C-alpha atoms as a PDB file:
ATOM      1  CA  MET A   1     109.307  89.273 113.906  1.00  0.00           C
ATOM      2  CA  ILE A   2     108.722  92.786 112.589  1.00  0.00           C
ATOM      3  CA  PRO A   3     111.808  94.717 113.056  1.00  0.00           C
ATOM      4  CA  ARG A   4     111.301  97.735 115.897  1.00  0.00           C
ATOM      5  CA  SER A   5     114.468  99.622 115.035  1.00  0.00           C
ATOM      6  CA  TRP A   6     115.760 100.207 111.860  1.00  0.00           C
ATOM      7  CA  LEU A   7     119.387 101.574 112.334  1.00  0.00           C
ATOM      8  CA  PHE A   8     120.989 104.090 109.510  1.00  0.00           C
ATOM      9  CA  VAL A   9     124.486 103.175 109.109  1.00  0.00           C
ATOM     10  CA  PRO A  10     126.752 105.307 106.447  1.00  0.00           C
ATOM     11  CA  GLY A  11     127.584 102.890 103.743  1.00  0.00           C
ATOM     12  CA  SER A  12     131.222 104.658 103.104  1.00  0.00           C
ATOM     13  CA  SER A  13     132.368 103.390 106.661  1.00  0.00           C
ATOM     14  CA  ALA A  14     133.248  99.969 107.046  1.00  0.00           C
ATOM     15  CA  ARG A  15     134.110 100.633 111.002  1.00  0.00           C
ATOM     16  CA  MET A  16     130.506 101.866 111.343  1.00  0.00           C
ATOM     17  CA  MET A  17     128.945  98.995 110.034  1.00  0.00           C
ATOM     18  CA  GLN A  18     131.046  96.433 111.820  1.00  0.00           C
ATOM     19  CA  LYS A  19     130.161  98.383 115.256  1.00  0.00           C
ATOM     20  CA  ALA A  20     126.717  98.418 114.261  1.00  0.00           C
ATOM     21  CA  LEU A  21     126.387  94.518 114.388  1.00  0.00           C
ATOM     22  CA  GLY A  22     126.638  95.255 118.283  1.00  0.00           C
ATOM     23  CA  SER A  23     123.980  97.576 118.649  1.00  0.00           C
ATOM     24  CA  GLY A  24     121.224  95.550 119.212  1.00  0.00           C
ATOM     25  CA  ALA A  25     119.255  97.145 116.227  1.00  0.00           C
ATOM     26  CA  ASP A  26     116.527  94.520 114.889  1.00  0.00           C
ATOM     27  CA  ALA A  27     117.972  95.539 111.108  1.00  0.00           C
ATOM     28  CA  LEU A  28     120.427  97.645 109.643  1.00  0.00           C
ATOM     29  CA  ILE A  29     119.938 100.071 106.665  1.00  0.00           C
ATOM     30  CA  LEU A  30     123.233 100.395 104.865  1.00  0.00           C
ATOM     31  CA  ASP A  31     123.100 103.824 103.460  1.00  0.00           C
ATOM     32  CA  LEU A  32     124.200 104.670  99.768  1.00  0.00           C
ATOM     33  CA  GLU A  33     122.052 108.157  99.582  1.00  0.00           C
ATOM     34  CA  ASP A  34     122.205 110.810 101.881  1.00  0.00           C
ATOM     35  CA  ALA A  35     125.133 109.682 104.253  1.00  0.00           C
ATOM     36  CA  VAL A  36     127.483 109.365 101.297  1.00  0.00           C
ATOM     37  CA  ALA A  37     128.930 112.335  99.583  1.00  0.00           C
ATOM     38  CA  PRO A  38     128.689 112.468  95.643  1.00  0.00           C
ATOM     39  CA  VAL A  39     132.370 111.787  94.874  1.00  0.00           C
ATOM     40  CA  ASP A  40     132.483 108.507  97.617  1.00  0.00           C
ATOM     41  CA  LYS A  41     129.237 106.532  95.926  1.00  0.00           C
ATOM     42  CA  ALA A  42     131.342 104.383  93.995  1.00  0.00           C
ATOM     43  CA  ALA A  43     133.711 103.693  96.859  1.00  0.00           C
ATOM     44  CA  ALA A  44     130.832 103.297  99.288  1.00  0.00           C
ATOM     45  CA  ARG A  45     129.268 100.223  97.229  1.00  0.00           C
ATOM     46  CA  GLU A  46     132.636  98.395  97.130  1.00  0.00           C
ATOM     47  CA  THR A  47     132.591  99.089 100.977  1.00  0.00           C
ATOM     48  CA  VAL A  48     129.011  97.772 101.204  1.00  0.00           C
ATOM     49  CA  ALA A  49     129.514  94.962  99.166  1.00  0.00           C
ATOM     50  CA  ALA A  50     132.632  93.755 101.043  1.00  0.00           C
ATOM     51  CA  PHE A  51     130.513  94.095 104.325  1.00  0.00           C
ATOM     52  CA  LEU A  52     127.764  92.031 103.128  1.00  0.00           C
ATOM     53  CA  ASP A  53     130.258  89.496 101.919  1.00  0.00           C
ATOM     54  CA  THR A  54     131.236  88.812 105.560  1.00  0.00           C
ATOM     55  CA  ALA A  55     127.471  87.489 105.731  1.00  0.00           C
ATOM     56  CA  PRO A  56     126.327  90.029 108.919  1.00  0.00           C
ATOM     57  CA  ALA A  57     123.799  88.409 111.410  1.00  0.00           C
ATOM     58  CA  ILE A  58     121.570  91.289 111.254  1.00  0.00           C
ATOM     59  CA  PRO A  59     119.012  91.777 108.325  1.00  0.00           C
ATOM     60  CA  CYS A  60     120.341  94.288 106.377  1.00  0.00           C
ATOM     61  CA  TYR A  61     118.601  96.611 103.850  1.00  0.00           C
ATOM     62  CA  ILE A  62     120.616  99.107 101.346  1.00  0.00           C
ATOM     63  CA  ARG A  63     119.223 102.815 101.073  1.00  0.00           C
ATOM     64  CA  VAL A  64     119.625 103.308  97.208  1.00  0.00           C
ATOM     65  CA  ASN A  65     119.645 106.415  95.688  1.00  0.00           C
ATOM     66  CA  ALA A  66     116.583 107.951  94.539  1.00  0.00           C
ATOM     67  CA  LEU A  67     115.323 106.886  90.801  1.00  0.00           C
ATOM     68  CA  SER A  68     115.639 110.338  89.805  1.00  0.00           C
ATOM     69  CA  THR A  69     119.088 110.333  90.152  1.00  0.00           C
ATOM     70  CA  GLY A  70     120.267 107.656  87.696  1.00  0.00           C
ATOM     71  CA  MET A  71     121.961 105.864  90.313  1.00  0.00           C
ATOM     72  CA  THR A  72     119.758 103.509  91.506  1.00  0.00           C
ATOM     73  CA  GLU A  73     120.212 100.556  88.985  1.00  0.00           C
ATOM     74  CA  THR A  74     124.239 100.971  89.642  1.00  0.00           C
ATOM     75  CA  ASP A  75     123.473 100.686  93.602  1.00  0.00           C
ATOM     76  CA  VAL A  76     121.447  97.876  93.176  1.00  0.00           C
ATOM     77  CA  ALA A  77     123.918  95.695  90.909  1.00  0.00           C
ATOM     78  CA  ALA A  78     126.728  96.157  93.674  1.00  0.00           C
ATOM     79  CA  VAL A  79     124.706  94.329  96.238  1.00  0.00           C
ATOM     80  CA  ARG A  80     122.114  92.239  94.349  1.00  0.00           C
ATOM     81  CA  GLY A  81     121.706  88.752  95.983  1.00  0.00           C
ATOM     82  CA  LYS A  82     123.574  89.835  99.080  1.00  0.00           C
ATOM     83  CA  VAL A  83     121.020  91.778 101.285  1.00  0.00           C
ATOM     84  CA  THR A  84     117.677  91.205 102.724  1.00  0.00           C
ATOM     85  CA  GLY A  85     115.950  94.130 100.751  1.00  0.00           C
ATOM     86  CA  PHE A  86     116.052  97.546  99.753  1.00  0.00           C
ATOM     87  CA  VAL A  87     114.970 100.896 101.254  1.00  0.00           C
ATOM     88  CA  LEU A  88     113.664 103.401  98.465  1.00  0.00           C
ATOM     89  CA  PRO A  89     113.694 107.141  99.000  1.00  0.00           C
ATOM     90  CA  LYS A  90     111.483 109.735  97.573  1.00  0.00           C
ATOM     91  CA  CYS A  91     109.298 107.253  96.695  1.00  0.00           C
ATOM     92  CA  GLU A  92     106.233 108.481  95.044  1.00  0.00           C
ATOM     93  CA  GLY A  93     103.888 105.174  94.665  1.00  0.00           C
ATOM     94  CA  ALA A  94     103.337 102.249  93.099  1.00  0.00           C
ATOM     95  CA  ARG A  95     105.131 103.334  89.681  1.00  0.00           C
ATOM     96  CA  ASP A  96     108.267 103.725  91.747  1.00  0.00           C
ATOM     97  CA  LEU A  97     107.778 100.243  93.282  1.00  0.00           C
ATOM     98  CA  ASP A  98     107.658  98.728  89.930  1.00  0.00           C
ATOM     99  CA  ALA A  99     110.969 100.396  88.443  1.00  0.00           C
ATOM    100  CA  LEU A 100     112.626  99.150  91.744  1.00  0.00           C
ATOM    101  CA  ALA A 101     111.413  95.700  91.477  1.00  0.00           C
ATOM    102  CA  ALA A 102     112.333  95.693  87.809  1.00  0.00           C
ATOM    103  CA  LEU A 103     116.132  96.570  88.726  1.00  0.00           C
ATOM    104  CA  THR A 104     116.000  94.115  91.941  1.00  0.00           C
ATOM    105  CA  GLY A 105     114.084  91.369  90.774  1.00  0.00           C
ATOM    106  CA  GLY A 106     111.352  91.735  93.175  1.00  0.00           C
ATOM    107  CA  ALA A 107     113.206  91.982  96.467  1.00  0.00           C
ATOM    108  CA  PRO A 108     111.359  93.279  99.336  1.00  0.00           C
ATOM    109  CA  VAL A 109     110.997  97.138  99.757  1.00  0.00           C
ATOM    110  CA  LEU A 110     110.555  99.366 102.633  1.00  0.00           C
ATOM    111  CA  ALA A 111     109.846 103.093 101.051  1.00  0.00           C
ATOM    112  CA  ILE A 112     110.172 106.240 102.436  1.00  0.00           C
ATOM    113  CA  ALA A 113     106.757 107.924 101.280  1.00  0.00           C
ATOM    114  CA  THR A 114     106.699 111.472 102.459  1.00  0.00           C
ATOM    115  CA  GLU A 115     109.965 113.090 101.161  1.00  0.00           C
ATOM    116  CA  THR A 116     108.237 114.968  98.660  1.00  0.00           C
ATOM    117  CA  VAL A 117     104.916 116.778  98.132  1.00  0.00           C
ATOM    118  CA  ARG A 118     104.082 114.718  95.354  1.00  0.00           C
ATOM    119  CA  ALA A 119     104.376 111.630  97.661  1.00  0.00           C
ATOM    120  CA  VAL A 120     102.324 112.919 100.241  1.00  0.00           C
ATOM    121  CA  ARG A 121      99.307 113.498  97.676  1.00  0.00           C
ATOM    122  CA  ALA A 122      99.954 110.124  96.357  1.00  0.00           C
ATOM    123  CA  LEU A 123      99.481 108.897  99.976  1.00  0.00           C
ATOM    124  CA  GLN A 124      96.029 109.996 100.205  1.00  0.00           C
ATOM    125  CA  SER A 125      94.943 109.354  96.576  1.00  0.00           C
ATOM    126  CA  GLU A 126      96.379 105.948  95.489  1.00  0.00           C
ATOM    127  CA  ASP A 127      96.579 102.320  96.708  1.00  0.00           C
ATOM    128  CA  TRP A 128     100.228 101.476  97.627  1.00  0.00           C
ATOM    129  CA  SER A 129      99.746  97.654  97.846  1.00  0.00           C
ATOM    130  CA  HIS A 130     102.582  96.211  95.691  1.00  0.00           C
ATOM    131  CA  PRO A 131     103.896  92.713  96.066  1.00  0.00           C
ATOM    132  CA  THR A 132     107.494  93.973  96.778  1.00  0.00           C
ATOM    133  CA  LEU A 133     106.206  96.304  99.673  1.00  0.00           C
ATOM    134  CA  LEU A 134     107.045  95.218 103.158  1.00  0.00           C
ATOM    135  CA  GLY A 135     106.921  98.539 104.919  1.00  0.00           C
ATOM    136  CA  LEU A 136     106.221 102.311 104.230  1.00  0.00           C
ATOM    137  CA  ALA A 137     108.318 104.816 106.349  1.00  0.00           C
ATOM    138  CA  TRP A 138     108.039 108.654 106.922  1.00  0.00           C
ATOM    139  CA  GLY A 139     110.837 111.620 107.196  1.00  0.00           C
ATOM    140  CA  ALA A 140     110.465 115.297 107.648  1.00  0.00           C
ATOM    141  CA  GLU A 141     113.949 116.200 106.550  1.00  0.00           C
ATOM    142  CA  ASP A 142     113.436 116.459 102.921  1.00  0.00           C
ATOM    143  CA  LEU A 143     109.764 117.190 103.056  1.00  0.00           C
ATOM    144  CA  ALA A 144     110.572 120.367 104.635  1.00  0.00           C
ATOM    145  CA  ALA A 145     113.152 121.250 101.796  1.00  0.00           C
ATOM    146  CA  ASP A 146     110.279 120.492  98.983  1.00  0.00           C
ATOM    147  CA  LEU A 147     107.804 122.574 100.988  1.00  0.00           C
ATOM    148  CA  GLY A 148     110.439 125.200 101.664  1.00  0.00           C
ATOM    149  CA  ALA A 149     109.612 125.193 105.076  1.00  0.00           C
ATOM    150  CA  THR A 150     112.300 126.587 107.534  1.00  0.00           C
ATOM    151  CA  ALA A 151     111.545 124.176 110.253  1.00  0.00           C
ATOM    152  CA  ASN A 152     109.695 120.834 110.920  1.00  0.00           C
ATOM    153  CA  ARG A 153     109.223 120.863 114.380  1.00  0.00           C
ATOM    154  CA  GLY A 154     107.904 123.608 116.904  1.00  0.00           C
ATOM    155  CA  ALA A 155     109.280 125.463 119.902  1.00  0.00           C
ATOM    156  CA  ASP A 156     108.206 122.453 122.133  1.00  0.00           C
ATOM    157  CA  GLY A 157     109.819 119.738 120.027  1.00  0.00           C
ATOM    158  CA  THR A 158     106.824 118.746 118.253  1.00  0.00           C
ATOM    159  CA  TYR A 159     106.240 118.171 114.577  1.00  0.00           C
ATOM    160  CA  LEU A 160     104.502 121.388 112.946  1.00  0.00           C
ATOM    161  CA  SER A 161     101.107 120.693 111.150  1.00  0.00           C
ATOM    162  CA  PRO A 162     102.193 119.715 107.684  1.00  0.00           C
ATOM    163  CA  PHE A 163     104.714 117.264 108.761  1.00  0.00           C
ATOM    164  CA  LEU A 164     101.994 115.536 111.244  1.00  0.00           C
ATOM    165  CA  PHE A 165      99.541 115.322 108.182  1.00  0.00           C
ATOM    166  CA  ALA A 166     102.307 113.606 106.240  1.00  0.00           C
ATOM    167  CA  ARG A 167     102.848 111.179 109.090  1.00  0.00           C
ATOM    168  CA  ASP A 168      99.521 110.342 109.549  1.00  0.00           C
ATOM    169  CA  ALA A 169      98.886 110.050 105.592  1.00  0.00           C
ATOM    170  CA  MET A 170     101.528 107.368 105.519  1.00  0.00           C
ATOM    171  CA  LEU A 171     100.529 105.733 108.643  1.00  0.00           C
ATOM    172  CA  TYR A 172      96.735 105.174 106.816  1.00  0.00           C
ATOM    173  CA  ALA A 173      98.515 104.299 103.548  1.00  0.00           C
ATOM    174  CA  ALA A 174     100.375 101.245 105.216  1.00  0.00           C
ATOM    175  CA  LYS A 175      97.338  99.974 107.142  1.00  0.00           C
ATOM    176  CA  ALA A 176      95.004 100.085 104.037  1.00  0.00           C
ATOM    177  CA  ALA A 177      98.311  98.313 101.686  1.00  0.00           C
ATOM    178  CA  GLY A 178      98.519  95.770 105.061  1.00  0.00           C
ATOM    179  CA  VAL A 179     102.566  96.958 105.492  1.00  0.00           C
ATOM    180  CA  THR A 180     104.413  97.660 108.458  1.00  0.00           C
ATOM    181  CA  ALA A 181     104.435 101.352 109.458  1.00  0.00           C
ATOM    182  CA  ILE A 182     107.877 102.518 110.822  1.00  0.00           C
ATOM    183  CA  ASP A 183     108.313 106.001 112.365  1.00  0.00           C
ATOM    184  CA  ALA A 184     110.643 108.382 111.459  1.00  0.00           C
ATOM    185  CA  VAL A 185     113.913 109.045 112.991  1.00  0.00           C
ATOM    186  CA  ARG A 186     114.754 111.422 115.748  1.00  0.00           C
ATOM    187  CA  THR A 187     117.832 113.868 115.073  1.00  0.00           C
ATOM    188  CA  ASP A 188     118.846 114.545 118.464  1.00  0.00           C
ATOM    189  CA  ILE A 189     120.844 111.705 119.226  1.00  0.00           C
ATOM    190  CA  HIS A 190     121.240 113.350 122.980  1.00  0.00           C
ATOM    191  CA  ASP A 191     117.323 113.221 124.202  1.00  0.00           C
ATOM    192  CA  ALA A 192     116.961 109.676 125.204  1.00  0.00           C
ATOM    193  CA  GLU A 193     113.724 111.008 126.971  1.00  0.00           C
ATOM    194  CA  GLY A 194     112.132 112.791 124.303  1.00  0.00           C
ATOM    195  CA  LEU A 195     113.010 109.446 121.751  1.00  0.00           C
ATOM    196  CA  LEU A 196     111.105 107.050 124.271  1.00  0.00           C
ATOM    197  CA  ALA A 197     108.154 109.513 124.353  1.00  0.00           C
ATOM    198  CA  GLU A 198     107.958 110.255 120.653  1.00  0.00           C
ATOM    199  CA  ALA A 199     108.301 106.290 120.134  1.00  0.00           C
ATOM    200  CA  ARG A 200     105.745 105.470 122.585  1.00  0.00           C
ATOM    201  CA  ALA A 201     103.317 107.700 121.033  1.00  0.00           C
ATOM    202  CA  ALA A 202     104.146 106.176 117.657  1.00  0.00           C
ATOM    203  CA  GLU A 203     103.216 103.086 119.084  1.00  0.00           C
ATOM    204  CA  GLN A 204     100.135 104.001 120.475  1.00  0.00           C
ATOM    205  CA  VAL A 205      98.352 105.219 117.176  1.00  0.00           C
ATOM    206  CA  GLY A 206      99.478 101.848 115.423  1.00  0.00           C
ATOM    207  CA  PHE A 207     103.364 102.395 114.128  1.00  0.00           C
ATOM    208  CA  GLU A 208     105.005  99.219 114.308  1.00  0.00           C
ATOM    209  CA  GLY A 209     108.792 100.363 114.551  1.00  0.00           C
ATOM    210  CA  LYS A 210     111.196 103.421 114.187  1.00  0.00           C
ATOM    211  CA  MET A 211     114.150 104.255 112.369  1.00  0.00           C
ATOM    212  CA  ALA A 212     117.571 105.263 114.252  1.00  0.00           C
ATOM    213  CA  ILE A 213     120.637 107.014 113.270  1.00  0.00           C
ATOM    214  CA  HIS A 214     122.664 106.306 116.432  1.00  0.00           C
ATOM    215  CA  PRO A 215     122.800 102.953 118.383  1.00  0.00           C
ATOM    216  CA  ALA A 216     122.216 104.712 121.778  1.00  0.00           C
ATOM    217  CA  GLN A 217     118.885 105.051 120.022  1.00  0.00           C
ATOM    218  CA  ILE A 218     118.082 101.647 119.861  1.00  0.00           C
ATOM    219  CA  ALA A 219     117.220 100.565 123.551  1.00  0.00           C
ATOM    220  CA  PRO A 220     114.643 103.317 123.681  1.00  0.00           C
ATOM    221  CA  ILE A 221     112.993 102.428 120.538  1.00  0.00           C
ATOM    222  CA  HIS A 222     112.879  98.745 121.545  1.00  0.00           C
ATOM    223  CA  SER A 223     111.417  99.890 125.023  1.00  0.00           C
ATOM    224  CA  ALA A 224     108.529 101.606 123.268  1.00  0.00           C
ATOM    225  CA  PHE A 225     107.782  98.791 120.621  1.00  0.00           C
ATOM    226  CA  THR A 226     108.037  95.772 122.603  1.00  0.00           C
ATOM    227  CA  PRO A 227     104.585  95.069 124.580  1.00  0.00           C
ATOM    228  CA  THR A 228     105.036  94.754 128.520  1.00  0.00           C
ATOM    229  CA  PRO A 229     104.312  91.485 130.697  1.00  0.00           C
ATOM    230  CA  ASP A 230     101.052  93.272 131.866  1.00  0.00           C
ATOM    231  CA  ARG A 231     100.053  93.961 128.170  1.00  0.00           C
ATOM    232  CA  ILE A 232     100.602  90.568 127.096  1.00  0.00           C
ATOM    233  CA  ASP A 233      98.800  88.886 130.133  1.00  0.00           C
ATOM    234  CA  TRP A 234      96.059  91.114 129.188  1.00  0.00           C
ATOM    235  CA  ALA A 235      96.097  90.054 125.499  1.00  0.00           C
ATOM    236  CA  ARG A 236      96.186  86.147 126.691  1.00  0.00           C
ATOM    237  CA  ARG A 237      93.180  86.949 128.852  1.00  0.00           C
ATOM    238  CA  VAL A 238      91.327  88.516 126.213  1.00  0.00           C
ATOM    239  CA  LEU A 239      91.457  85.603 123.691  1.00  0.00           C
ATOM    240  CA  ALA A 240      90.932  83.239 126.641  1.00  0.00           C
ATOM    241  CA  ALA A 241      87.794  85.050 127.631  1.00  0.00           C
ATOM    242  CA  LEU A 242      86.681  85.299 123.829  1.00  0.00           C
ATOM    243  CA  GLN A 243      87.228  81.637 123.236  1.00  0.00           C
ATOM    244  CA  THR A 244      85.236  80.600 126.173  1.00  0.00           C
ATOM    245  CA  ALA A 245      82.385  82.821 124.932  1.00  0.00           C
ATOM    246  CA  GLY A 246      82.355  80.959 121.780  1.00  0.00           C
ATOM    247  CA  GLY A 247      83.580  83.547 119.327  1.00  0.00           C
ATOM    248  CA  GLY A 248      80.914  86.315 120.543  1.00  0.00           C
ATOM    249  CA  ALA A 249      81.170  89.053 122.921  1.00  0.00           C
ATOM    250  CA  ALA A 250      82.871  88.398 126.164  1.00  0.00           C
ATOM    251  CA  GLN A 251      83.690  90.419 129.413  1.00  0.00           C
ATOM    252  CA  LEU A 252      86.972  91.019 131.165  1.00  0.00           C
ATOM    253  CA  ASP A 253      87.388  93.120 134.156  1.00  0.00           C
ATOM    254  CA  GLY A 254      84.158  95.009 133.682  1.00  0.00           C
ATOM    255  CA  GLN A 255      84.998  95.623 130.027  1.00  0.00           C
ATOM    256  CA  MET A 256      82.967  94.319 126.991  1.00  0.00           C
ATOM    257  CA  LEU A 257      84.985  92.629 124.527  1.00  0.00           C
ATOM    258  CA  ASP A 258      84.150  91.748 120.881  1.00  0.00           C
ATOM    259  CA  ASN A 259      86.248  91.289 117.592  1.00  0.00           C
ATOM    260  CA  PRO A 260      88.456  94.432 117.482  1.00  0.00           C
ATOM    261  CA  HIS A 261      89.946  93.440 120.799  1.00  0.00           C
ATOM    262  CA  ARG A 262      90.691  90.156 119.907  1.00  0.00           C
ATOM    263  CA  ILE A 263      92.571  91.787 116.479  1.00  0.00           C
ATOM    264  CA  GLN A 264      94.511  93.946 118.981  1.00  0.00           C
ATOM    265  CA  ALA A 265      95.317  91.214 121.319  1.00  0.00           C
ATOM    266  CA  GLU A 266      96.649  88.937 118.760  1.00  0.00           C
ATOM    267  CA  LYS A 267      98.691  91.739 117.294  1.00  0.00           C
ATOM    268  CA  ILE A 268     100.347  92.434 120.787  1.00  0.00           C
ATOM    269  CA  LEU A 269     101.170  88.726 121.037  1.00  0.00           C
ATOM    270  CA  SER A 270     102.686  88.432 117.567  1.00  0.00           C
ATOM    271  CA  ARG A 271     105.050  91.675 118.507  1.00  0.00           C
ATOM    272  CA  GLY A 272     105.793  89.854 121.952  1.00  0.00           C
ATOM    273  CA  GLY A 273     106.719  87.027 120.563  1.00  0.00           C
ATOM    274  CA  ALA A 274     104.246  85.144 122.750  1.00  0.00           C
ATOM    275  CA  THR A 275     100.979  83.319 122.035  1.00  0.00           C
ATOM    276  CA  ALA A 276      97.778  82.445 123.692  1.00  0.00           C
ATOM    277  CA  GLY A 277      99.012  79.225 125.172  1.00  0.00           C
ATOM    278  CA  GLN A 278     102.226  80.628 126.562  1.00  0.00           C
END
């Protein structure tokens, strides 16, 4: 199943990584980048490697330092062969994915693809398809710094237009590449209602999961990205109606159905862990 929740955990804290195992998250992102001070990078690599040696039951991805830092190769070497995959920050396209693949041997990658202005422009102009790419994610904090913006959200809490533009560009690039689209973190860890609304809005337009920075955010994310029983029932009935119609157009509850509805129904059942016959 595609992870709905991706929980960031500081790679410098063995205690927090151990605690994250009980968070219910679908995947952990053990962070060697922003969550770790420069003087603590070496120790964090050792801490992460020791944690991975315990064979955690949750899929674990490592957010390495950006390729431009000169630290990526050392990050990869510390955990090679122990992780599910890698998270590449400040990724600006297929050339960066090639560079990381040369270090990892082709391990799966979730690329954070909106942290620089150059990356956002590349999302519009380049094909991001790559054999190692499993998904694209986006974030607004680093992009705000690169733009020179003083805020990424307005007074009402919604993203300002340059950041919505980057989000949409990433979503289109992910769909064109045939990979998972993951929504950004919500930094206010106490606003469960706002998180749920934001996650539901992301799910409605095609995102398949969301990153988190606190265990308390996992339940709202799962609620937003898990199809409800009603939607699963609708999807089963759509497929049954189209099958009865012999593959052409069909009717259900007064609505005309055709191939786009079939695709939508199949995706709902896939995400719900269900099949038409269940």
